[in-house]
Amino acid sequence: MTSLPAPSMNVLLTTGQGRTLQPEEFQSRLIAGLTRALLRATRPPCLLRAPTGSGKTFMLARVLGNVSADSEIL
């Protein structure tokens, strides 16, 4: 019997995007920075302000997926 992996937000659940959507350079930097901040022992409050259409939801989904995969938090 094959065991299933633990649930994770690492799989994007957004419509029409899937894993084929790659972040832009500025998005990659923000994703990495927010992920590092949220994986610290003392987690600071985080606020992401950006113009409409800049990919805030996409970036936050990636950040939460990274944190979920590293911390085993769903």
PDB file of N, CA and C in Angstrom:
ATOM      1  N   MET A   1       0.839  -1.173   0.000  1.00  0.00           N
ATOM      2  CA  MET A   1       0.000   0.000   0.000  1.00  0.00           C
ATOM      3  C   MET A   1       0.888   1.241   0.000  1.00  0.00           C
ATOM      4  N   THR A   2       0.580   2.206  -0.850  1.00  0.00           N
ATOM      5  CA  THR A   2       1.340   3.449  -0.952  1.00  0.00           C
ATOM      6  C   THR A   2       0.746   4.484  -0.012  1.00  0.00           C
ATOM      7  N   SER A   3       1.610   5.127   0.779  1.00  0.00           N
ATOM      8  CA  SER A   3       1.098   6.163   1.667  1.00  0.00           C
ATOM      9  C   SER A   3       1.058   7.493   0.917  1.00  0.00           C
ATOM     10  N   LEU A   4       0.061   8.271   1.213  1.00  0.00           N
ATOM     11  CA  LEU A   4      -0.106   9.576   0.566  1.00  0.00           C
ATOM     12  C   LEU A   4       0.707  10.617   1.311  1.00  0.00           C
ATOM     13  N   PRO A   5       1.238  11.619   0.611  1.00  0.00           N
ATOM     14  CA  PRO A   5       1.969  12.681   1.298  1.00  0.00           C
ATOM     15  C   PRO A   5       1.024  13.515   2.155  1.00  0.00           C
ATOM     16  N   ALA A   6       1.582  14.140   3.177  1.00  0.00           N
ATOM     17  CA  ALA A   6       0.786  15.007   4.048  1.00  0.00           C
ATOM     18  C   ALA A   6       0.205  16.150   3.227  1.00  0.00           C
ATOM     19  N   PRO A   7      -1.006  16.601   3.587  1.00  0.00           N
ATOM     20  CA  PRO A   7      -1.599  17.721   2.851  1.00  0.00           C
ATOM     21  C   PRO A   7      -0.698  18.950   2.925  1.00  0.00           C
ATOM     22  N   SER A   8      -0.671  19.708   1.864  1.00  0.00           N
ATOM     23  CA  SER A   8       0.163  20.900   1.812  1.00  0.00           C
ATOM     24  C   SER A   8      -0.475  21.919   0.890  1.00  0.00           C
ATOM     25  N   MET A   9      -0.227  23.190   1.175  1.00  0.00           N
ATOM     26  CA  MET A   9      -0.704  24.245   0.286  1.00  0.00           C
ATOM     27  C   MET A   9       0.295  24.469  -0.836  1.00  0.00           C
ATOM     28  N   ASN A  10       1.254  23.561  -0.975  1.00  0.00           N
ATOM     29  CA  ASN A  10       2.273  23.702  -1.992  1.00  0.00           C
ATOM     30  C   ASN A  10       1.699  23.553  -3.403  1.00  0.00           C
ATOM     31  N   VAL A  11       0.553  22.942  -3.510  1.00  0.00           N
ATOM     32  CA  VAL A  11      -0.109  22.787  -4.797  1.00  0.00           C
ATOM     33  C   VAL A  11      -1.073  23.958  -4.956  1.00  0.00           C
ATOM     34  N   LEU A  12      -0.878  24.741  -5.984  1.00  0.00           N
ATOM     35  CA  LEU A  12      -1.747  25.903  -6.190  1.00  0.00           C
ATOM     36  C   LEU A  12      -3.140  25.454  -6.590  1.00  0.00           C
ATOM     37  N   LEU A  13      -4.131  26.074  -6.003  1.00  0.00           N
ATOM     38  CA  LEU A  13      -5.509  25.727  -6.288  1.00  0.00           C
ATOM     39  C   LEU A  13      -6.240  26.850  -6.992  1.00  0.00           C
ATOM     40  N   THR A  14      -5.530  27.625  -7.747  1.00  0.00           N
ATOM     41  CA  THR A  14      -6.147  28.741  -8.454  1.00  0.00           C
ATOM     42  C   THR A  14      -6.564  28.304  -9.846  1.00  0.00           C
ATOM     43  N   THR A  15      -7.624  28.847 -10.314  1.00  0.00           N
ATOM     44  CA  THR A  15      -8.183  28.462 -11.603  1.00  0.00           C
ATOM     45  C   THR A  15      -7.304  28.903 -12.758  1.00  0.00           C
ATOM     46  N   GLY A  16      -7.043  28.004 -13.665  1.00  0.00           N
ATOM     47  CA  GLY A  16      -6.375  28.331 -14.908  1.00  0.00           C
ATOM     48  C   GLY A  16      -4.902  28.655 -14.810  1.00  0.00           C
ATOM     49  N   GLN A  17      -4.277  28.466 -13.660  1.00  0.00           N
ATOM     50  CA  GLN A  17      -2.871  28.815 -13.520  1.00  0.00           C
ATOM     51  C   GLN A  17      -2.006  27.572 -13.371  1.00  0.00           C
ATOM     52  N   GLY A  18      -2.231  26.813 -12.339  1.00  0.00           N
ATOM     53  CA  GLY A  18      -1.441  25.617 -12.116  1.00  0.00           C
ATOM     54  C   GLY A  18       0.032  25.930 -11.953  1.00  0.00           C
ATOM     55  N   ARG A  19       0.870  24.955 -12.164  1.00  0.00           N
ATOM     56  CA  ARG A  19       2.305  25.109 -11.962  1.00  0.00           C
ATOM     57  C   ARG A  19       2.994  25.765 -13.154  1.00  0.00           C
ATOM     58  N   THR A  20       2.285  25.981 -14.235  1.00  0.00           N
ATOM     59  CA  THR A  20       2.922  26.545 -15.424  1.00  0.00           C
ATOM     60  C   THR A  20       3.166  28.046 -15.306  1.00  0.00           C
ATOM     61  N   LEU A  21       2.465  28.723 -14.415  1.00  0.00           N
ATOM     62  CA  LEU A  21       2.637  30.160 -14.239  1.00  0.00           C
ATOM     63  C   LEU A  21       3.889  30.421 -13.404  1.00  0.00           C
ATOM     64  N   GLN A  22       4.849  31.092 -13.986  1.00  0.00           N
ATOM     65  CA  GLN A  22       6.101  31.400 -13.300  1.00  0.00           C
ATOM     66  C   GLN A  22       6.087  32.851 -12.838  1.00  0.00           C
ATOM     67  N   PRO A  23       6.541  33.098 -11.593  1.00  0.00           N
ATOM     68  CA  PRO A  23       6.555  34.477 -11.108  1.00  0.00           C
ATOM     69  C   PRO A  23       7.561  35.343 -11.863  1.00  0.00           C
ATOM     70  N   GLU A  24       7.227  36.617 -11.977  1.00  0.00           N
ATOM     71  CA  GLU A  24       8.157  37.604 -12.524  1.00  0.00           C
ATOM     72  C   GLU A  24       9.301  37.783 -11.522  1.00  0.00           C
ATOM     73  N   GLU A  25      10.371  38.435 -11.932  1.00  0.00           N
ATOM     74  CA  GLU A  25      11.534  38.615 -11.052  1.00  0.00           C
ATOM     75  C   GLU A  25      11.160  39.332  -9.755  1.00  0.00           C
ATOM     76  N   PHE A  26      10.402  40.433  -9.847  1.00  0.00           N
ATOM     77  CA  PHE A  26      10.023  41.166  -8.633  1.00  0.00           C
ATOM     78  C   PHE A  26       9.138  40.311  -7.739  1.00  0.00           C
ATOM     79  N   GLN A  27       8.297  39.465  -8.337  1.00  0.00           N
ATOM     80  CA  GLN A  27       7.446  38.579  -7.547  1.00  0.00           C
ATOM     81  C   GLN A  27       8.289  37.522  -6.839  1.00  0.00           C
ATOM     82  N   SER A  28       9.280  36.980  -7.517  1.00  0.00           N
ATOM     83  CA  SER A  28      10.166  35.978  -6.904  1.00  0.00           C
ATOM     84  C   SER A  28      10.879  36.550  -5.683  1.00  0.00           C
ATOM     85  N   ARG A  29      11.342  37.795  -5.787  1.00  0.00           N
ATOM     86  CA  ARG A  29      12.025  38.425  -4.647  1.00  0.00           C
ATOM     87  C   ARG A  29      11.062  38.619  -3.477  1.00  0.00           C
ATOM     88  N   LEU A  30       9.848  39.063  -3.773  1.00  0.00           N
ATOM     89  CA  LEU A  30       8.857  39.251  -2.710  1.00  0.00           C
ATOM     90  C   LEU A  30       8.461  37.919  -2.080  1.00  0.00           C
ATOM     91  N   ILE A  31       8.257  36.909  -2.894  1.00  0.00           N
ATOM     92  CA  ILE A  31       7.892  35.575  -2.396  1.00  0.00           C
ATOM     93  C   ILE A  31       8.981  35.054  -1.458  1.00  0.00           C
ATOM     94  N   ALA A  32      10.239  35.171  -1.875  1.00  0.00           N
ATOM     95  CA  ALA A  32      11.359  34.692  -1.059  1.00  0.00           C
ATOM     96  C   ALA A  32      11.460  35.473   0.254  1.00  0.00           C
ATOM     97  N   GLY A  33      11.312  36.793   0.180  1.00  0.00           N
ATOM     98  CA  GLY A  33      11.410  37.623   1.381  1.00  0.00           C
ATOM     99  C   GLY A  33      10.302  37.355   2.376  1.00  0.00           C
ATOM    100  N   LEU A  34       9.074  37.274   1.900  1.00  0.00           N
ATOM    101  CA  LEU A  34       7.958  36.987   2.797  1.00  0.00           C
ATOM    102  C   LEU A  34       8.062  35.586   3.382  1.00  0.00           C
ATOM    103  N   THR A  35       8.501  34.634   2.576  1.00  0.00           N
ATOM    104  CA  THR A  35       8.669  33.268   3.067  1.00  0.00           C
ATOM    105  C   THR A  35       9.698  33.243   4.194  1.00  0.00           C
ATOM    106  N   ARG A  36      10.853  33.898   3.976  1.00  0.00           N
ATOM    107  CA  ARG A  36      11.888  33.952   5.025  1.00  0.00           C
ATOM    108  C   ARG A  36      11.344  34.582   6.300  1.00  0.00           C
ATOM    109  N   ALA A  37      10.611  35.675   6.155  1.00  0.00           N
ATOM    110  CA  ALA A  37      10.073  36.370   7.331  1.00  0.00           C
ATOM    111  C   ALA A  37       9.104  35.486   8.106  1.00  0.00           C
ATOM    112  N   LEU A  38       8.263  34.760   7.386  1.00  0.00           N
ATOM    113  CA  LEU A  38       7.257  33.933   8.062  1.00  0.00           C
ATOM    114  C   LEU A  38       7.820  32.624   8.601  1.00  0.00           C
ATOM    115  N   LEU A  39       9.021  32.263   8.206  1.00  0.00           N
ATOM    116  CA  LEU A  39       9.637  31.043   8.730  1.00  0.00           C
ATOM    117  C   LEU A  39      10.570  31.327   9.909  1.00  0.00           C
ATOM    118  N   ARG A  40      10.714  32.598  10.285  1.00  0.00           N
ATOM    119  CA  ARG A  40      11.528  32.935  11.457  1.00  0.00           C
ATOM    120  C   ARG A  40      10.848  32.437  12.714  1.00  0.00           C
ATOM    121  N   ALA A  41      11.633  32.327  13.801  1.00  0.00           N
ATOM    122  CA  ALA A  41      11.088  31.883  15.090  1.00  0.00           C
ATOM    123  C   ALA A  41      10.032  32.872  15.590  1.00  0.00           C
ATOM    124  N   THR A  42      10.309  34.164  15.454  1.00  0.00           N
ATOM    125  CA  THR A  42       9.315  35.179  15.822  1.00  0.00           C
ATOM    126  C   THR A  42       8.755  35.736  14.527  1.00  0.00           C
ATOM    127  N   ARG A  43       7.560  35.359  14.218  1.00  0.00           N
ATOM    128  CA  ARG A  43       6.936  35.756  12.950  1.00  0.00           C
ATOM    129  C   ARG A  43       6.378  37.169  13.048  1.00  0.00           C
ATOM    130  N   PRO A  44       6.869  38.063  12.217  1.00  0.00           N
ATOM    131  CA  PRO A  44       6.367  39.433  12.230  1.00  0.00           C
ATOM    132  C   PRO A  44       5.042  39.524  11.469  1.00  0.00           C
ATOM    133  N   PRO A  45       4.248  40.543  11.775  1.00  0.00           N
ATOM    134  CA  PRO A  45       3.074  40.760  10.923  1.00  0.00           C
ATOM    135  C   PRO A  45       3.553  41.173   9.536  1.00  0.00           C
ATOM    136  N   CYS A  46       2.872  40.740   8.512  1.00  0.00           N
ATOM    137  CA  CYS A  46       3.270  41.060   7.140  1.00  0.00           C
ATOM    138  C   CYS A  46       2.120  41.733   6.412  1.00  0.00           C
ATOM    139  N   LEU A  47       2.446  42.706   5.605  1.00  0.00           N
ATOM    140  CA  LEU A  47       1.468  43.406   4.791  1.00  0.00           C
ATOM    141  C   LEU A  47       2.045  43.532   3.386  1.00  0.00           C
ATOM    142  N   LEU A  48       1.260  43.124   2.414  1.00  0.00           N
ATOM    143  CA  LEU A  48       1.693  43.227   1.020  1.00  0.00           C
ATOM    144  C   LEU A  48       0.785  44.228   0.323  1.00  0.00           C
ATOM    145  N   ARG A  49       1.339  45.389   0.017  1.00  0.00           N
ATOM    146  CA  ARG A  49       0.602  46.420  -0.713  1.00  0.00           C
ATOM    147  C   ARG A  49       1.206  46.537  -2.091  1.00  0.00           C
ATOM    148  N   ALA A  50       0.359  46.466  -3.095  1.00  0.00           N
ATOM    149  CA  ALA A  50       0.831  46.576  -4.474  1.00  0.00           C
ATOM    150  C   ALA A  50      -0.345  46.994  -5.346  1.00  0.00           C
ATOM    151  N   PRO A  51      -0.059  47.542  -6.520  1.00  0.00           N
ATOM    152  CA  PRO A  51      -1.139  47.976  -7.415  1.00  0.00           C
ATOM    153  C   PRO A  51      -2.010  46.815  -7.885  1.00  0.00           C
ATOM    154  N   THR A  52      -3.201  47.154  -8.314  1.00  0.00           N
ATOM    155  CA  THR A  52      -4.114  46.170  -8.884  1.00  0.00           C
ATOM    156  C   THR A  52      -3.443  45.478 -10.064  1.00  0.00           C
ATOM    157  N   GLY A  53      -3.568  44.160 -10.112  1.00  0.00           N
ATOM    158  CA  GLY A  53      -3.024  43.396 -11.223  1.00  0.00           C
ATOM    159  C   GLY A  53      -1.559  43.020 -11.086  1.00  0.00           C
ATOM    160  N   SER A  54      -0.950  43.288  -9.913  1.00  0.00           N
ATOM    161  CA  SER A  54       0.469  42.977  -9.738  1.00  0.00           C
ATOM    162  C   SER A  54       0.719  41.542  -9.290  1.00  0.00           C
ATOM    163  N   GLY A  55      -0.340  40.805  -8.978  1.00  0.00           N
ATOM    164  CA  GLY A  55      -0.193  39.394  -8.614  1.00  0.00           C
ATOM    165  C   GLY A  55      -0.137  39.135  -7.121  1.00  0.00           C
ATOM    166  N   LYS A  56      -0.783  39.980  -6.316  1.00  0.00           N
ATOM    167  CA  LYS A  56      -0.746  39.803  -4.865  1.00  0.00           C
ATOM    168  C   LYS A  56      -1.285  38.436  -4.448  1.00  0.00           C
ATOM    169  N   THR A  57      -2.419  38.037  -4.982  1.00  0.00           N
ATOM    170  CA  THR A  57      -3.016  36.756  -4.621  1.00  0.00           C
ATOM    171  C   THR A  57      -2.101  35.611  -5.035  1.00  0.00           C
ATOM    172  N   PHE A  58      -1.548  35.677  -6.229  1.00  0.00           N
ATOM    173  CA  PHE A  58      -0.614  34.659  -6.708  1.00  0.00           C
ATOM    174  C   PHE A  58       0.608  34.567  -5.796  1.00  0.00           C
ATOM    175  N   MET A  59       1.192  35.732  -5.436  1.00  0.00           N
ATOM    176  CA  MET A  59       2.384  35.731  -4.591  1.00  0.00           C
ATOM    177  C   MET A  59       2.080  35.172  -3.209  1.00  0.00           C
ATOM    178  N   LEU A  60       0.962  35.586  -2.622  1.00  0.00           N
ATOM    179  CA  LEU A  60       0.625  35.101  -1.290  1.00  0.00           C
ATOM    180  C   LEU A  60       0.313  33.601  -1.296  1.00  0.00           C
ATOM    181  N   ALA A  61      -0.280  33.098  -2.375  1.00  0.00           N
ATOM    182  CA  ALA A  61      -0.511  31.653  -2.484  1.00  0.00           C
ATOM    183  C   ALA A  61       0.822  30.914  -2.499  1.00  0.00           C
ATOM    184  N   ARG A  62       1.806  31.448  -3.217  1.00  0.00           N
ATOM    185  CA  ARG A  62       3.139  30.827  -3.254  1.00  0.00           C
ATOM    186  C   ARG A  62       3.808  30.884  -1.879  1.00  0.00           C
ATOM    187  N   VAL A  63       3.714  32.039  -1.210  1.00  0.00           N
ATOM    188  CA  VAL A  63       4.313  32.181   0.124  1.00  0.00           C
ATOM    189  C   VAL A  63       3.681  31.177   1.090  1.00  0.00           C
ATOM    190  N   LEU A  64       2.362  31.117   1.103  1.00  0.00           N
ATOM    191  CA  LEU A  64       1.692  30.188   2.012  1.00  0.00           C
ATOM    192  C   LEU A  64       2.022  28.739   1.668  1.00  0.00           C
ATOM    193  N   GLY A  65       2.181  28.437   0.390  1.00  0.00           N
ATOM    194  CA  GLY A  65       2.597  27.101  -0.015  1.00  0.00           C
ATOM    195  C   GLY A  65       3.987  26.779   0.502  1.00  0.00           C
ATOM    196  N   ASN A  66       4.916  27.731   0.412  1.00  0.00           N
ATOM    197  CA  ASN A  66       6.278  27.525   0.915  1.00  0.00           C
ATOM    198  C   ASN A  66       6.288  27.315   2.416  1.00  0.00           C
ATOM    199  N   VAL A  67       5.542  28.160   3.144  1.00  0.00           N
ATOM    200  CA  VAL A  67       5.483  28.048   4.591  1.00  0.00           C
ATOM    201  C   VAL A  67       4.833  26.727   4.986  1.00  0.00           C
ATOM    202  N   SER A  68       3.775  26.350   4.288  1.00  0.00           N
ATOM    203  CA  SER A  68       3.084  25.094   4.574  1.00  0.00           C
ATOM    204  C   SER A  68       4.006  23.900   4.368  1.00  0.00           C
ATOM    205  N   ALA A  69       4.772  23.908   3.296  1.00  0.00           N
ATOM    206  CA  ALA A  69       5.660  22.784   2.993  1.00  0.00           C
ATOM    207  C   ALA A  69       6.801  22.689   4.003  1.00  0.00           C
ATOM    208  N   ASP A  70       7.315  23.842   4.457  1.00  0.00           N
ATOM    209  CA  ASP A  70       8.444  23.841   5.379  1.00  0.00           C
ATOM    210  C   ASP A  70       8.034  23.581   6.824  1.00  0.00           C
ATOM    211  N   SER A  71       6.864  24.071   7.227  1.00  0.00           N
ATOM    212  CA  SER A  71       6.441  24.001   8.614  1.00  0.00           C
ATOM    213  C   SER A  71       5.454  22.885   8.888  1.00  0.00           C
ATOM    214  N   GLU A  72       5.088  22.142   7.864  1.00  0.00           N
ATOM    215  CA  GLU A  72       4.066  21.105   7.974  1.00  0.00           C
ATOM    216  C   GLU A  72       2.780  21.671   8.550  1.00  0.00           C
ATOM    217  N   ILE A  73       2.433  22.852   8.091  1.00  0.00           N
ATOM    218  CA  ILE A  73       1.201  23.521   8.492  1.00  0.00           C
ATOM    219  C   ILE A  73       0.326  23.617   7.260  1.00  0.00           C
ATOM    220  N   LEU A  74      -0.930  23.258   7.392  1.00  0.00           N
ATOM    221  CA  LEU A  74      -1.843  23.361   6.256  1.00  0.00           C
ATOM    222  C   LEU A  74      -2.692  24.585   6.418  1.00  0.00           C
TER     223      LEU A  74
END
